[in-house]
Amino acid sequence: MLENQLTLEVNPYSSLYNAVVSKTRFLRQLSRLCDFGFIDG
């Protein structure tokens, strides 16, 4: 079911980030797995 979800790019630098930062980096994996929406406060 999750593979049918759409993604929205809200940052113009996200493609550059995807090209430069390895998908195996710890902080990248952490940000993908955790919802930090509570920090917006």
C-alpha atoms as a PDB file:
ATOM      1  CA  MET A   1       0.000   0.000   0.000  1.00  0.00           C
ATOM      2  CA  LEU A   2       2.777   2.482   0.825  1.00  0.00           C
ATOM      3  CA  GLU A   3       4.400   2.151  -2.594  1.00  0.00           C
ATOM      4  CA  ASN A   4       1.388   3.946  -4.099  1.00  0.00           C
ATOM      5  CA  GLN A   5       1.925   7.148  -2.101  1.00  0.00           C
ATOM      6  CA  LEU A   6       2.865  10.352  -3.884  1.00  0.00           C
ATOM      7  CA  THR A   7       5.773  12.514  -2.790  1.00  0.00           C
ATOM      8  CA  LEU A   8       5.930  16.285  -2.952  1.00  0.00           C
ATOM      9  CA  GLU A   9       9.219  18.106  -3.284  1.00  0.00           C
ATOM     10  CA  VAL A  10       9.001  21.278  -1.216  1.00  0.00           C
ATOM     11  CA  ASN A  11      12.721  22.013  -1.250  1.00  0.00           C
ATOM     12  CA  PRO A  12      14.400  23.047  -4.519  1.00  0.00           C
ATOM     13  CA  TYR A  13      17.662  21.484  -3.275  1.00  0.00           C
ATOM     14  CA  SER A  14      16.255  18.019  -2.606  1.00  0.00           C
ATOM     15  CA  SER A  15      17.590  16.611  -5.882  1.00  0.00           C
ATOM     16  CA  LEU A  16      21.053  17.951  -5.042  1.00  0.00           C
ATOM     17  CA  TYR A  17      20.782  16.462  -1.543  1.00  0.00           C
ATOM     18  CA  ASN A  18      19.838  13.094  -3.051  1.00  0.00           C
ATOM     19  CA  ALA A  19      22.843  13.211  -5.371  1.00  0.00           C
ATOM     20  CA  VAL A  20      25.391  14.271  -2.738  1.00  0.00           C
ATOM     21  CA  VAL A  21      24.342  12.565   0.510  1.00  0.00           C
ATOM     22  CA  SER A  22      24.634   8.782   0.613  1.00  0.00           C
ATOM     23  CA  LYS A  23      21.444   6.869   1.442  1.00  0.00           C
ATOM     24  CA  THR A  24      23.424   4.867   4.013  1.00  0.00           C
ATOM     25  CA  ARG A  25      24.302   7.909   6.156  1.00  0.00           C
ATOM     26  CA  PHE A  26      22.936   7.555   9.683  1.00  0.00           C
ATOM     27  CA  LEU A  27      21.279  10.985   9.885  1.00  0.00           C
ATOM     28  CA  ARG A  28      19.597  10.516   6.507  1.00  0.00           C
ATOM     29  CA  GLN A  29      18.182   7.158   7.594  1.00  0.00           C
ATOM     30  CA  LEU A  30      17.082   8.638  10.910  1.00  0.00           C
ATOM     31  CA  SER A  31      15.239  11.526   9.248  1.00  0.00           C
ATOM     32  CA  ARG A  32      13.517   9.070   6.898  1.00  0.00           C
ATOM     33  CA  LEU A  33      12.385   6.788   9.740  1.00  0.00           C
ATOM     34  CA  CYS A  34      11.375   9.384  12.351  1.00  0.00           C
ATOM     35  CA  ASP A  35       8.749  12.103  12.186  1.00  0.00           C
ATOM     36  CA  PHE A  36      10.249  15.337  13.481  1.00  0.00           C
ATOM     37  CA  GLY A  37       7.094  17.378  12.851  1.00  0.00           C
ATOM     38  CA  PHE A  38       6.739  18.069  16.570  1.00  0.00           C
ATOM     39  CA  ILE A  39       9.819  20.323  16.403  1.00  0.00           C
ATOM     40  CA  ASP A  40       8.132  22.949  14.188  1.00  0.00           C
ATOM     41  CA  GLY A  41       6.615  24.505  17.327  1.00  0.00           C
END
